Amino acid sequence: MSVCSTRTDTAPVVVHAEEETDVARAVPARRAEYATVRHCARTALRAIDVPPGPLPRGAGGAPVWPAEVVGSMTHCRGYRAAAVARTVHVRSLGIDAEPDEPLPRGVLELVTRPGERAALPLLQRSRPGVHWDRLTFSAKESVYKAWFPLTGRWLDFDDAEVHLTPDGGLVAELLVPGPRVDGAPLTRFTGRWSVASGIITTAVVVPAGSD
């Protein structure tokens, strides 16, 4: 697997012709963000010996990756990143980045389950400097990004329950039937989280041969 990230937008902004319709009406800042995260993706692709090319949005807004490649992109204020892998090693992956700050008022109840909210006070006591509400949301975003390429279906915030540990562990238990991966039903996603320099990052990976 290869990962590329940056905290500044590339200059000049380069958008492939096949990607132009995605940002034809975008403001300059959005266009730069779009181009930069794809620059990260193409850099990551080179690292696994895959020729870089256009990466337009496809179904559900997910990027269209080269054959036999899986990947995920993320961007937030001051951060862009992409991760890619060959399907012989990884069946799906998802990454997400968020500013290390609380969720806006009223959002937590919309994006979390009761059990996830109940876990927050203990997590907060274990590591007071982490915004666990935003971290839980980020984990769910990563899970969705890994879920969608496997299923082509929406995954609601209530359809998976995230369990976080203070040491950076992340497990998401599916509460709806999952896809079959390598002949076995997928029942959970596992991954890692980190907080550094004002950015929360989460990642989940479905390795080849996992159950």
Foldseek 3Di string as FASTA:
>chain_A
DFKFKFQDFDPPQDADPVACVVCVPPDPVVSSLVRRLLVQVQVRCVVVPHHRDHFHQDQPRFTDDPPQKEKEWEDDNRMTMMHMDGCLWFVFKFKYKDFQDEDPPPVLVQQADPVLVVCVVVLCVVPVSGRSSVLQNRQVRGVQRRQCVQPVDGQGSVQWHWDADNVFWIKIAGNDWGHAAPNHTDGMWIWGWDDDPRMIMIMTTGTHPHD
